[in-house]
Amino acid sequence: MKKFVSTISSKGQVTIPADIRRKLGVNPSDQVTFVLTEDEKVELRPVRYTLESVLGSIEALPGETADLDREIREATEEAMARKMQRLNRQ
């Protein structure tokens, strides 16, 4: 097991050693999270954003809605209605 020592600054900051940053795949300005496990160990993990974690963080464009599920459903229904009209004309 390798050990890495780092000093905590007066502001509570610590430098993550380069080997650890490479192992985590993090770069300057990336975020990390500290996880306290059930057995009282602390784990350092990179923050990985998912669609769910950022949902709602960007407002809809003017004239558009944030309800994409409804928009998809409506667009599908409209496309099916057009297709049915073409089939009925044949």
PDB file of N, CA and C in Angstrom:
ATOM      1  N   MET A   1       0.850  -1.173   0.000  1.00  0.00           N
ATOM      2  CA  MET A   1       0.000   0.000   0.000  1.00  0.00           C
ATOM      3  C   MET A   1       0.895   1.235   0.000  1.00  0.00           C
ATOM      4  N   LYS A   2       0.632   2.149  -0.924  1.00  0.00           N
ATOM      5  CA  LYS A   2       1.366   3.413  -0.975  1.00  0.00           C
ATOM      6  C   LYS A   2       0.658   4.420  -0.088  1.00  0.00           C
ATOM      7  N   LYS A   3       1.427   5.276   0.551  1.00  0.00           N
ATOM      8  CA  LYS A   3       0.865   6.362   1.359  1.00  0.00           C
ATOM      9  C   LYS A   3       1.380   7.679   0.816  1.00  0.00           C
ATOM     10  N   PHE A   4       0.499   8.669   0.815  1.00  0.00           N
ATOM     11  CA  PHE A   4       0.849  10.006   0.363  1.00  0.00           C
ATOM     12  C   PHE A   4       0.513  10.976   1.481  1.00  0.00           C
ATOM     13  N   VAL A   5       1.433  11.865   1.799  1.00  0.00           N
ATOM     14  CA  VAL A   5       1.230  12.833   2.867  1.00  0.00           C
ATOM     15  C   VAL A   5       1.062  14.218   2.250  1.00  0.00           C
ATOM     16  N   SER A   6       0.091  14.955   2.768  1.00  0.00           N
ATOM     17  CA  SER A   6      -0.152  16.313   2.322  1.00  0.00           C
ATOM     18  C   SER A   6      -0.488  17.148   3.553  1.00  0.00           C
ATOM     19  N   THR A   7      -0.137  18.420   3.527  1.00  0.00           N
ATOM     20  CA  THR A   7      -0.363  19.312   4.665  1.00  0.00           C
ATOM     21  C   THR A   7      -1.622  20.137   4.456  1.00  0.00           C
ATOM     22  N   ILE A   8      -2.397  20.298   5.511  1.00  0.00           N
ATOM     23  CA  ILE A   8      -3.604  21.123   5.456  1.00  0.00           C
ATOM     24  C   ILE A   8      -3.207  22.574   5.702  1.00  0.00           C
ATOM     25  N   SER A   9      -3.646  23.471   4.820  1.00  0.00           N
ATOM     26  CA  SER A   9      -3.320  24.888   4.965  1.00  0.00           C
ATOM     27  C   SER A   9      -4.183  25.525   6.048  1.00  0.00           C
ATOM     28  N   SER A  10      -3.898  26.772   6.378  1.00  0.00           N
ATOM     29  CA  SER A  10      -4.682  27.490   7.389  1.00  0.00           C
ATOM     30  C   SER A  10      -6.123  27.702   6.939  1.00  0.00           C
ATOM     31  N   LYS A  11      -6.371  27.612   5.634  1.00  0.00           N
ATOM     32  CA  LYS A  11      -7.732  27.740   5.094  1.00  0.00           C
ATOM     33  C   LYS A  11      -8.421  26.382   4.964  1.00  0.00           C
ATOM     34  N   GLY A  12      -7.782  25.323   5.456  1.00  0.00           N
ATOM     35  CA  GLY A  12      -8.372  23.985   5.367  1.00  0.00           C
ATOM     36  C   GLY A  12      -8.171  23.338   4.020  1.00  0.00           C
ATOM     37  N   GLN A  13      -7.296  23.882   3.204  1.00  0.00           N
ATOM     38  CA  GLN A  13      -7.057  23.338   1.865  1.00  0.00           C
ATOM     39  C   GLN A  13      -5.911  22.339   1.895  1.00  0.00           C
ATOM     40  N   VAL A  14      -5.975  21.401   0.979  1.00  0.00           N
ATOM     41  CA  VAL A  14      -4.932  20.394   0.880  1.00  0.00           C
ATOM     42  C   VAL A  14      -4.626  20.161  -0.599  1.00  0.00           C
ATOM     43  N   THR A  15      -3.381  19.926  -0.918  1.00  0.00           N
ATOM     44  CA  THR A  15      -2.986  19.619  -2.289  1.00  0.00           C
ATOM     45  C   THR A  15      -3.082  18.114  -2.484  1.00  0.00           C
ATOM     46  N   ILE A  16      -3.796  17.710  -3.521  1.00  0.00           N
ATOM     47  CA  ILE A  16      -3.913  16.286  -3.826  1.00  0.00           C
ATOM     48  C   ILE A  16      -2.668  15.889  -4.623  1.00  0.00           C
ATOM     49  N   PRO A  17      -1.917  14.926  -4.145  1.00  0.00           N
ATOM     50  CA  PRO A  17      -0.695  14.520  -4.852  1.00  0.00           C
ATOM     51  C   PRO A  17      -0.987  14.114  -6.303  1.00  0.00           C
ATOM     52  N   ALA A  18      -0.016  14.369  -7.171  1.00  0.00           N
ATOM     53  CA  ALA A  18      -0.171  14.131  -8.612  1.00  0.00           C
ATOM     54  C   ALA A  18      -0.562  12.686  -8.918  1.00  0.00           C
ATOM     55  N   ASP A  19       0.045  11.713  -8.235  1.00  0.00           N
ATOM     56  CA  ASP A  19      -0.298  10.304  -8.485  1.00  0.00           C
ATOM     57  C   ASP A  19      -1.775  10.036  -8.191  1.00  0.00           C
ATOM     58  N   ILE A  20      -2.293  10.645  -7.138  1.00  0.00           N
ATOM     59  CA  ILE A  20      -3.696  10.462  -6.769  1.00  0.00           C
ATOM     60  C   ILE A  20      -4.596  11.150  -7.790  1.00  0.00           C
ATOM     61  N   ARG A  21      -4.232  12.365  -8.220  1.00  0.00           N
ATOM     62  CA  ARG A  21      -5.029  13.071  -9.245  1.00  0.00           C
ATOM     63  C   ARG A  21      -5.101  12.263 -10.527  1.00  0.00           C
ATOM     64  N   ARG A  22      -3.971  11.681 -10.928  1.00  0.00           N
ATOM     65  CA  ARG A  22      -3.970  10.849 -12.137  1.00  0.00           C
ATOM     66  C   ARG A  22      -4.857   9.621 -11.949  1.00  0.00           C
ATOM     67  N   LYS A  23      -4.763   8.992 -10.800  1.00  0.00           N
ATOM     68  CA  LYS A  23      -5.569   7.798 -10.513  1.00  0.00           C
ATOM     69  C   LYS A  23      -7.063   8.133 -10.542  1.00  0.00           C
ATOM     70  N   LEU A  24      -7.439   9.307 -10.010  1.00  0.00           N
ATOM     71  CA  LEU A  24      -8.837   9.731 -10.002  1.00  0.00           C
ATOM     72  C   LEU A  24      -9.286  10.281 -11.354  1.00  0.00           C
ATOM     73  N   GLY A  25      -8.310  10.673 -12.182  1.00  0.00           N
ATOM     74  CA  GLY A  25      -8.654  11.264 -13.478  1.00  0.00           C
ATOM     75  C   GLY A  25      -9.192  12.682 -13.347  1.00  0.00           C
ATOM     76  N   VAL A  26      -8.675  13.423 -12.355  1.00  0.00           N
ATOM     77  CA  VAL A  26      -9.137  14.796 -12.146  1.00  0.00           C
ATOM     78  C   VAL A  26      -8.063  15.791 -12.569  1.00  0.00           C
ATOM     79  N   ASN A  27      -8.523  16.956 -12.954  1.00  0.00           N
ATOM     80  CA  ASN A  27      -7.661  18.030 -13.425  1.00  0.00           C
ATOM     81  C   ASN A  27      -7.985  19.310 -12.674  1.00  0.00           C
ATOM     82  N   PRO A  28      -7.177  20.363 -12.849  1.00  0.00           N
ATOM     83  CA  PRO A  28      -7.483  21.637 -12.197  1.00  0.00           C
ATOM     84  C   PRO A  28      -8.919  22.072 -12.505  1.00  0.00           C
ATOM     85  N   SER A  29      -9.598  22.565 -11.497  1.00  0.00           N
ATOM     86  CA  SER A  29     -10.988  23.056 -11.508  1.00  0.00           C
ATOM     87  C   SER A  29     -12.032  21.933 -11.529  1.00  0.00           C
ATOM     88  N   ASP A  30     -11.614  20.652 -11.613  1.00  0.00           N
ATOM     89  CA  ASP A  30     -12.567  19.551 -11.437  1.00  0.00           C
ATOM     90  C   ASP A  30     -12.967  19.506  -9.967  1.00  0.00           C
ATOM     91  N   GLN A  31     -14.068  18.843  -9.684  1.00  0.00           N
ATOM     92  CA  GLN A  31     -14.509  18.715  -8.306  1.00  0.00           C
ATOM     93  C   GLN A  31     -14.323  17.289  -7.823  1.00  0.00           C
ATOM     94  N   VAL A  32     -14.074  17.167  -6.513  1.00  0.00           N
ATOM     95  CA  VAL A  32     -14.003  15.866  -5.860  1.00  0.00           C
ATOM     96  C   VAL A  32     -14.994  15.879  -4.705  1.00  0.00           C
ATOM     97  N   THR A  33     -15.373  14.703  -4.280  1.00  0.00           N
ATOM     98  CA  THR A  33     -16.283  14.585  -3.151  1.00  0.00           C
ATOM     99  C   THR A  33     -15.646  13.702  -2.091  1.00  0.00           C
ATOM    100  N   PHE A  34     -15.903  14.030  -0.833  1.00  0.00           N
ATOM    101  CA  PHE A  34     -15.430  13.227   0.282  1.00  0.00           C
ATOM    102  C   PHE A  34     -16.608  12.397   0.770  1.00  0.00           C
ATOM    103  N   VAL A  35     -16.426  11.090   0.820  1.00  0.00           N
ATOM    104  CA  VAL A  35     -17.499  10.186   1.227  1.00  0.00           C
ATOM    105  C   VAL A  35     -17.092   9.530   2.539  1.00  0.00           C
ATOM    106  N   LEU A  36     -17.949   9.675   3.553  1.00  0.00           N
ATOM    107  CA  LEU A  36     -17.728   9.008   4.825  1.00  0.00           C
ATOM    108  C   LEU A  36     -18.508   7.698   4.775  1.00  0.00           C
ATOM    109  N   THR A  37     -17.774   6.576   4.761  1.00  0.00           N
ATOM    110  CA  THR A  37     -18.411   5.266   4.621  1.00  0.00           C
ATOM    111  C   THR A  37     -18.997   4.812   5.960  1.00  0.00           C
ATOM    112  N   GLU A  38     -19.779   3.753   5.904  1.00  0.00           N
ATOM    113  CA  GLU A  38     -20.409   3.227   7.119  1.00  0.00           C
ATOM    114  C   GLU A  38     -19.382   2.777   8.154  1.00  0.00           C
ATOM    115  N   ASP A  39     -18.221   2.330   7.675  1.00  0.00           N
ATOM    116  CA  ASP A  39     -17.187   1.898   8.613  1.00  0.00           C
ATOM    117  C   ASP A  39     -16.232   3.042   8.981  1.00  0.00           C
ATOM    118  N   GLU A  40     -16.726   4.298   8.807  1.00  0.00           N
ATOM    119  CA  GLU A  40     -16.021   5.516   9.239  1.00  0.00           C
ATOM    120  C   GLU A  40     -14.727   5.794   8.471  1.00  0.00           C
ATOM    121  N   LYS A  41     -14.594   5.250   7.261  1.00  0.00           N
ATOM    122  CA  LYS A  41     -13.454   5.581   6.416  1.00  0.00           C
ATOM    123  C   LYS A  41     -13.859   6.731   5.508  1.00  0.00           C
ATOM    124  N   VAL A  42     -12.877   7.520   5.109  1.00  0.00           N
ATOM    125  CA  VAL A  42     -13.132   8.634   4.207  1.00  0.00           C
ATOM    126  C   VAL A  42     -12.589   8.264   2.836  1.00  0.00           C
ATOM    127  N   GLU A  43     -13.446   8.393   1.813  1.00  0.00           N
ATOM    128  CA  GLU A  43     -13.031   8.122   0.443  1.00  0.00           C
ATOM    129  C   GLU A  43     -13.075   9.419  -0.352  1.00  0.00           C
ATOM    130  N   LEU A  44     -12.117   9.594  -1.205  1.00  0.00           N
ATOM    131  CA  LEU A  44     -12.058  10.748  -2.099  1.00  0.00           C
ATOM    132  C   LEU A  44     -12.445  10.258  -3.481  1.00  0.00           C
ATOM    133  N   ARG A  45     -13.489  10.864  -4.050  1.00  0.00           N
ATOM    134  CA  ARG A  45     -13.973  10.424  -5.363  1.00  0.00           C
ATOM    135  C   ARG A  45     -14.148  11.619  -6.283  1.00  0.00           C
ATOM    136  N   PRO A  46     -13.918  11.404  -7.577  1.00  0.00           N
ATOM    137  CA  PRO A  46     -14.196  12.491  -8.531  1.00  0.00           C
ATOM    138  C   PRO A  46     -15.702  12.682  -8.662  1.00  0.00           C
ATOM    139  N   VAL A  47     -16.133  13.914  -8.857  1.00  0.00           N
ATOM    140  CA  VAL A  47     -17.545  14.182  -9.102  1.00  0.00           C
ATOM    141  C   VAL A  47     -17.798  13.922 -10.574  1.00  0.00           C
ATOM    142  N   ARG A  48     -18.723  13.044 -10.856  1.00  0.00           N
ATOM    143  CA  ARG A  48     -19.090  12.736 -12.234  1.00  0.00           C
ATOM    144  C   ARG A  48     -20.523  13.202 -12.437  1.00  0.00           C
ATOM    145  N   TYR A  49     -20.687  14.103 -13.378  1.00  0.00           N
ATOM    146  CA  TYR A  49     -22.014  14.637 -13.639  1.00  0.00           C
ATOM    147  C   TYR A  49     -22.780  13.695 -14.554  1.00  0.00           C
ATOM    148  N   THR A  50     -24.037  13.530 -14.248  1.00  0.00           N
ATOM    149  CA  THR A  50     -24.934  12.757 -15.091  1.00  0.00           C
ATOM    150  C   THR A  50     -26.049  13.688 -15.544  1.00  0.00           C
ATOM    151  N   LEU A  51     -26.814  13.255 -16.502  1.00  0.00           N
ATOM    152  CA  LEU A  51     -27.938  14.056 -16.962  1.00  0.00           C
ATOM    153  C   LEU A  51     -28.886  14.354 -15.801  1.00  0.00           C
ATOM    154  N   GLU A  52     -29.111  13.350 -14.956  1.00  0.00           N
ATOM    155  CA  GLU A  52     -30.022  13.532 -13.823  1.00  0.00           C
ATOM    156  C   GLU A  52     -29.484  14.556 -12.834  1.00  0.00           C
ATOM    157  N   SER A  53     -28.160  14.578 -12.635  1.00  0.00           N
ATOM    158  CA  SER A  53     -27.602  15.484 -11.633  1.00  0.00           C
ATOM    159  C   SER A  53     -27.626  16.937 -12.079  1.00  0.00           C
ATOM    160  N   VAL A  54     -27.698  17.190 -13.372  1.00  0.00           N
ATOM    161  CA  VAL A  54     -27.717  18.569 -13.853  1.00  0.00           C
ATOM    162  C   VAL A  54     -29.079  18.983 -14.394  1.00  0.00           C
ATOM    163  N   LEU A  55     -30.064  18.074 -14.314  1.00  0.00           N
ATOM    164  CA  LEU A  55     -31.399  18.364 -14.815  1.00  0.00           C
ATOM    165  C   LEU A  55     -31.946  19.623 -14.148  1.00  0.00           C
ATOM    166  N   GLY A  56     -32.377  20.557 -14.940  1.00  0.00           N
ATOM    167  CA  GLY A  56     -32.947  21.790 -14.417  1.00  0.00           C
ATOM    168  C   GLY A  56     -31.919  22.876 -14.162  1.00  0.00           C
ATOM    169  N   SER A  57     -30.645  22.604 -14.382  1.00  0.00           N
ATOM    170  CA  SER A  57     -29.631  23.614 -14.116  1.00  0.00           C
ATOM    171  C   SER A  57     -29.556  24.657 -15.224  1.00  0.00           C
ATOM    172  N   ILE A  58     -30.150  24.355 -16.372  1.00  0.00           N
ATOM    173  CA  ILE A  58     -30.198  25.307 -17.482  1.00  0.00           C
ATOM    174  C   ILE A  58     -31.654  25.539 -17.831  1.00  0.00           C
ATOM    175  N   GLU A  59     -32.051  26.793 -17.841  1.00  0.00           N
ATOM    176  CA  GLU A  59     -33.439  27.101 -18.151  1.00  0.00           C
ATOM    177  C   GLU A  59     -33.709  26.887 -19.633  1.00  0.00           C
ATOM    178  N   ALA A  60     -34.974  26.638 -19.946  1.00  0.00           N
ATOM    179  CA  ALA A  60     -35.380  26.445 -21.341  1.00  0.00           C
ATOM    180  C   ALA A  60     -35.171  27.742 -22.109  1.00  0.00           C
ATOM    181  N   LEU A  61     -34.929  27.620 -23.397  1.00  0.00           N
ATOM    182  CA  LEU A  61     -34.790  28.792 -24.256  1.00  0.00           C
ATOM    183  C   LEU A  61     -36.130  29.510 -24.369  1.00  0.00           C
ATOM    184  N   PRO A  62     -36.107  30.810 -24.646  1.00  0.00           N
ATOM    185  CA  PRO A  62     -37.381  31.524 -24.803  1.00  0.00           C
ATOM    186  C   PRO A  62     -38.254  30.849 -25.863  1.00  0.00           C
ATOM    187  N   GLY A  63     -39.511  30.654 -25.546  1.00  0.00           N
ATOM    188  CA  GLY A  63     -40.427  30.010 -26.484  1.00  0.00           C
ATOM    189  C   GLY A  63     -40.359  28.494 -26.456  1.00  0.00           C
ATOM    190  N   GLU A  64     -39.514  27.941 -25.611  1.00  0.00           N
ATOM    191  CA  GLU A  64     -39.408  26.490 -25.502  1.00  0.00           C
ATOM    192  C   GLU A  64     -39.750  26.074 -24.077  1.00  0.00           C
ATOM    193  N   THR A  65     -39.986  24.811 -23.904  1.00  0.00           N
ATOM    194  CA  THR A  65     -40.350  24.289 -22.593  1.00  0.00           C
ATOM    195  C   THR A  65     -39.278  23.349 -22.082  1.00  0.00           C
ATOM    196  N   ALA A  66     -39.237  23.155 -20.790  1.00  0.00           N
ATOM    197  CA  ALA A  66     -38.290  22.213 -20.204  1.00  0.00           C
ATOM    198  C   ALA A  66     -38.885  20.812 -20.118  1.00  0.00           C
ATOM    199  N   ASP A  67     -40.164  20.668 -20.518  1.00  0.00           N
ATOM    200  CA  ASP A  67     -40.837  19.374 -20.440  1.00  0.00           C
ATOM    201  C   ASP A  67     -40.589  18.591 -21.735  1.00  0.00           C
ATOM    202  N   LEU A  68     -39.409  18.011 -21.842  1.00  0.00           N
ATOM    203  CA  LEU A  68     -39.026  17.308 -23.064  1.00  0.00           C
ATOM    204  C   LEU A  68     -39.856  16.053 -23.290  1.00  0.00           C
ATOM    205  N   ASP A  69     -40.231  15.371 -22.218  1.00  0.00           N
ATOM    206  CA  ASP A  69     -41.049  14.164 -22.387  1.00  0.00           C
ATOM    207  C   ASP A  69     -42.360  14.501 -23.087  1.00  0.00           C
ATOM    208  N   ARG A  70     -42.996  15.595 -22.672  1.00  0.00           N
ATOM    209  CA  ARG A  70     -44.256  16.003 -23.296  1.00  0.00           C
ATOM    210  C   ARG A  70     -44.014  16.395 -24.745  1.00  0.00           C
ATOM    211  N   GLU A  71     -42.949  17.144 -25.004  1.00  0.00           N
ATOM    212  CA  GLU A  71     -42.652  17.563 -26.379  1.00  0.00           C
ATOM    213  C   GLU A  71     -42.405  16.359 -27.279  1.00  0.00           C
ATOM    214  N   ILE A  72     -41.677  15.383 -26.785  1.00  0.00           N
ATOM    215  CA  ILE A  72     -41.415  14.174 -27.576  1.00  0.00           C
ATOM    216  C   ILE A  72     -42.716  13.426 -27.853  1.00  0.00           C
ATOM    217  N   ARG A  73     -43.548  13.286 -26.812  1.00  0.00           N
ATOM    218  CA  ARG A  73     -44.825  12.595 -26.974  1.00  0.00           C
ATOM    219  C   ARG A  73     -45.696  13.314 -27.998  1.00  0.00           C
ATOM    220  N   GLU A  74     -45.786  14.650 -27.901  1.00  0.00           N
ATOM    221  CA  GLU A  74     -46.603  15.413 -28.847  1.00  0.00           C
ATOM    222  C   GLU A  74     -46.053  15.308 -30.269  1.00  0.00           C
ATOM    223  N   ALA A  75     -44.739  15.383 -30.420  1.00  0.00           N
ATOM    224  CA  ALA A  75     -44.138  15.288 -31.752  1.00  0.00           C
ATOM    225  C   ALA A  75     -44.385  13.906 -32.353  1.00  0.00           C
ATOM    226  N   THR A  76     -44.318  12.876 -31.531  1.00  0.00           N
ATOM    227  CA  THR A  76     -44.578  11.515 -31.996  1.00  0.00           C
ATOM    228  C   THR A  76     -46.030  11.371 -32.434  1.00  0.00           C
ATOM    229  N   GLU A  77     -46.943  11.909 -31.626  1.00  0.00           N
ATOM    230  CA  GLU A  77     -48.369  11.836 -31.972  1.00  0.00           C
ATOM    231  C   GLU A  77     -48.657  12.581 -33.275  1.00  0.00           C
ATOM    232  N   GLU A  78     -48.048  13.757 -33.460  1.00  0.00           N
ATOM    233  CA  GLU A  78     -48.247  14.524 -34.689  1.00  0.00           C
ATOM    234  C   GLU A  78     -47.700  13.769 -35.895  1.00  0.00           C
ATOM    235  N   ALA A  79     -46.526  13.168 -35.737  1.00  0.00           N
ATOM    236  CA  ALA A  79     -45.924  12.409 -36.845  1.00  0.00           C
ATOM    237  C   ALA A  79     -46.790  11.209 -37.200  1.00  0.00           C
ATOM    238  N   MET A  80     -47.327  10.542 -36.192  1.00  0.00           N
ATOM    239  CA  MET A  80     -48.193   9.391 -36.454  1.00  0.00           C
ATOM    240  C   MET A  80     -49.484   9.838 -37.139  1.00  0.00           C
ATOM    241  N   ALA A  81     -50.044  10.967 -36.725  1.00  0.00           N
ATOM    242  CA  ALA A  81     -51.276  11.474 -37.345  1.00  0.00           C
ATOM    243  C   ALA A  81     -51.034  11.800 -38.819  1.00  0.00           C
ATOM    244  N   ARG A  82     -49.900  12.429 -39.140  1.00  0.00           N
ATOM    245  CA  ARG A  82     -49.570  12.746 -40.544  1.00  0.00           C
ATOM    246  C   ARG A  82     -49.417  11.467 -41.358  1.00  0.00           C
ATOM    247  N   LYS A  83     -48.758  10.485 -40.770  1.00  0.00           N
ATOM    248  CA  LYS A  83     -48.555   9.224 -41.473  1.00  0.00           C
ATOM    249  C   LYS A  83     -49.905   8.519 -41.732  1.00  0.00           C
ATOM    250  N   MET A  84     -50.791   8.555 -40.744  1.00  0.00           N
ATOM    251  CA  MET A  84     -52.119   7.939 -40.899  1.00  0.00           C
ATOM    252  C   MET A  84     -52.909   8.657 -41.974  1.00  0.00           C
ATOM    253  N   GLN A  85     -52.794   9.985 -42.039  1.00  0.00           N
ATOM    254  CA  GLN A  85     -53.508  10.748 -43.091  1.00  0.00           C
ATOM    255  C   GLN A  85     -53.006  10.333 -44.466  1.00  0.00           C
ATOM    256  N   ARG A  86     -51.690  10.174 -44.604  1.00  0.00           N
ATOM    257  CA  ARG A  86     -51.150   9.761 -45.917  1.00  0.00           C
ATOM    258  C   ARG A  86     -51.628   8.358 -46.265  1.00  0.00           C
ATOM    259  N   LEU A  87     -51.649   7.458 -45.297  1.00  0.00           N
ATOM    260  CA  LEU A  87     -52.121   6.097 -45.562  1.00  0.00           C
ATOM    261  C   LEU A  87     -53.582   6.056 -45.925  1.00  0.00           C
ATOM    262  N   ASN A  88     -54.398   6.888 -45.283  1.00  0.00           N
ATOM    263  CA  ASN A  88     -55.836   6.925 -45.561  1.00  0.00           C
ATOM    264  C   ASN A  88     -56.121   7.487 -46.958  1.00  0.00           C
ATOM    265  N   ARG A  89     -55.227   8.326 -47.481  1.00  0.00           N
ATOM    266  CA  ARG A  89     -55.420   8.895 -48.841  1.00  0.00           C
ATOM    267  C   ARG A  89     -55.124   7.868 -49.925  1.00  0.00           C
ATOM    268  N   GLN A  90     -54.377   6.844 -49.588  1.00  0.00           N
ATOM    269  CA  GLN A  90     -53.971   5.851 -50.604  1.00  0.00           C
ATOM    270  C   GLN A  90     -55.035   4.851 -50.860  1.00  0.00           C
TER     271      GLN A  90
END
